[in-house]
Amino acid sequence: MTILIIWLIAFCLIAFFVHQGWNNGVSQKLDKILPGFLKSHGDNRYLWVIALAVLGATALVNPVDMLLVVLLLAVIGLIVMALVNWVGNKTPH
């Protein structure tokens, strides 16, 4: 129960500060990081505020879990890239 309350407080605070700073640079910084098809260009404010607040609150409450998920996804991505390169080299040109 305590973890839930801490997560809710962190979620509310992060959501508040991201919402307040959306026009002061959060949107532009987000557009620099994201690939073209995910860029917000200032739109979808509430979607990105909620997404960033969930990620931030979860990273504050369970940082080890988040790190392990990121590492797992990175390993899976590297394996997929290696398989794609291997299959690409096997095909005749």
Protein backbone atom coordinates (compact mmCIF):
# COMPACT_ATOMS: atom_id res chain seq x y z
CA MET A 1 0.00 0.00 0.00
CA THR A 2 2.86 2.37 0.79
CA ILE A 3 4.44 1.75 -2.61
CA LEU A 4 1.13 2.59 -4.29
CA ILE A 5 0.85 5.88 -2.41
CA ILE A 6 4.45 6.81 -3.25
CA TRP A 7 3.84 5.91 -6.91
CA LEU A 8 0.65 8.02 -7.02
CA ILE A 9 2.39 11.03 -5.46
CA ALA A 10 5.32 10.70 -7.89
CA PHE A 11 2.90 10.31 -10.82
CA CYS A 12 0.95 13.43 -9.86
CA LEU A 13 4.08 15.54 -9.34
CA ILE A 14 5.74 14.43 -12.57
CA ALA A 15 2.52 14.91 -14.53
CA PHE A 16 2.07 18.39 -13.05
CA PHE A 17 5.60 19.54 -13.85
CA VAL A 18 5.62 18.05 -17.35
CA HIS A 19 2.25 19.67 -18.07
CA GLN A 20 3.47 23.03 -16.79
CA GLY A 21 6.68 22.87 -18.78
CA TRP A 22 5.17 21.52 -22.01
CA ASN A 23 5.35 24.83 -23.88
CA ASN A 24 8.63 25.81 -22.23
CA GLY A 25 10.72 23.09 -23.79
CA VAL A 26 9.41 19.63 -22.91
CA SER A 27 7.70 19.28 -26.29
CA GLN A 28 10.77 20.43 -28.21
CA LYS A 29 13.10 18.13 -26.24
CA LEU A 30 10.75 15.22 -26.79
CA ASP A 31 10.70 15.93 -30.54
CA LYS A 32 14.52 15.92 -30.64
CA ILE A 33 14.68 12.47 -29.02
CA LEU A 34 11.87 10.67 -30.84
CA PRO A 35 11.91 9.32 -34.40
CA GLY A 36 9.84 11.11 -37.04
CA PHE A 37 6.66 9.08 -36.79
CA LEU A 38 6.44 9.59 -33.00
CA LYS A 39 7.12 13.34 -32.94
CA SER A 40 4.38 15.29 -31.23
CA HIS A 41 5.04 18.79 -32.71
CA GLY A 42 3.26 20.17 -29.65
CA ASP A 43 0.17 17.99 -30.13
CA ASN A 44 -0.94 15.07 -27.98
CA ARG A 45 0.05 16.89 -24.81
CA TYR A 46 -2.06 14.79 -22.47
CA LEU A 47 -0.97 11.48 -23.98
CA TRP A 48 2.72 12.33 -23.56
CA VAL A 49 2.21 13.83 -20.10
CA ILE A 50 0.59 10.60 -18.88
CA ALA A 51 3.20 8.40 -20.60
CA LEU A 52 6.12 10.36 -19.14
CA ALA A 53 4.51 10.44 -15.70
CA VAL A 54 3.94 6.67 -15.69
CA LEU A 55 7.50 5.97 -16.81
CA GLY A 56 8.97 8.45 -14.33
CA ALA A 57 6.93 7.23 -11.36
CA THR A 58 7.68 3.60 -12.14
CA ALA A 59 11.39 4.37 -12.52
CA LEU A 60 11.35 6.10 -9.11
CA VAL A 61 9.52 3.30 -7.32
CA ASN A 62 11.03 0.27 -9.09
CA PRO A 63 14.35 1.34 -10.64
CA VAL A 64 15.85 -2.16 -10.65
CA ASP A 65 12.84 -3.61 -12.46
CA MET A 66 12.99 -0.86 -15.06
CA LEU A 67 16.71 -1.43 -15.57
CA LEU A 68 16.22 -5.17 -16.01
CA VAL A 69 13.43 -4.62 -18.55
CA VAL A 70 15.59 -2.19 -20.52
CA LEU A 71 18.51 -4.63 -20.48
CA LEU A 72 16.27 -7.49 -21.57
CA LEU A 73 14.83 -5.44 -24.44
CA ALA A 74 18.33 -4.39 -25.50
CA VAL A 75 19.54 -8.00 -25.57
CA ILE A 76 16.48 -9.09 -27.57
CA GLY A 77 17.03 -6.18 -29.98
CA LEU A 78 20.68 -7.12 -30.47
CA ILE A 79 19.77 -10.75 -31.13
CA VAL A 80 17.13 -9.73 -33.68
CA MET A 81 19.58 -7.37 -35.41
CA ALA A 82 22.23 -10.10 -35.53
CA LEU A 83 19.73 -12.56 -37.05
CA VAL A 84 18.59 -10.01 -39.63
CA ASN A 85 22.21 -9.29 -40.63
CA TRP A 86 23.00 -13.01 -40.79
CA VAL A 87 19.96 -13.74 -42.98
CA GLY A 88 20.77 -10.70 -45.12
CA ASN A 89 24.29 -12.00 -45.74
CA LYS A 90 22.99 -15.47 -46.68
CA THR A 91 20.69 -14.23 -49.43
CA PRO A 92 22.20 -13.94 -52.92
CA HIS A 93 22.54 -10.44 -54.31
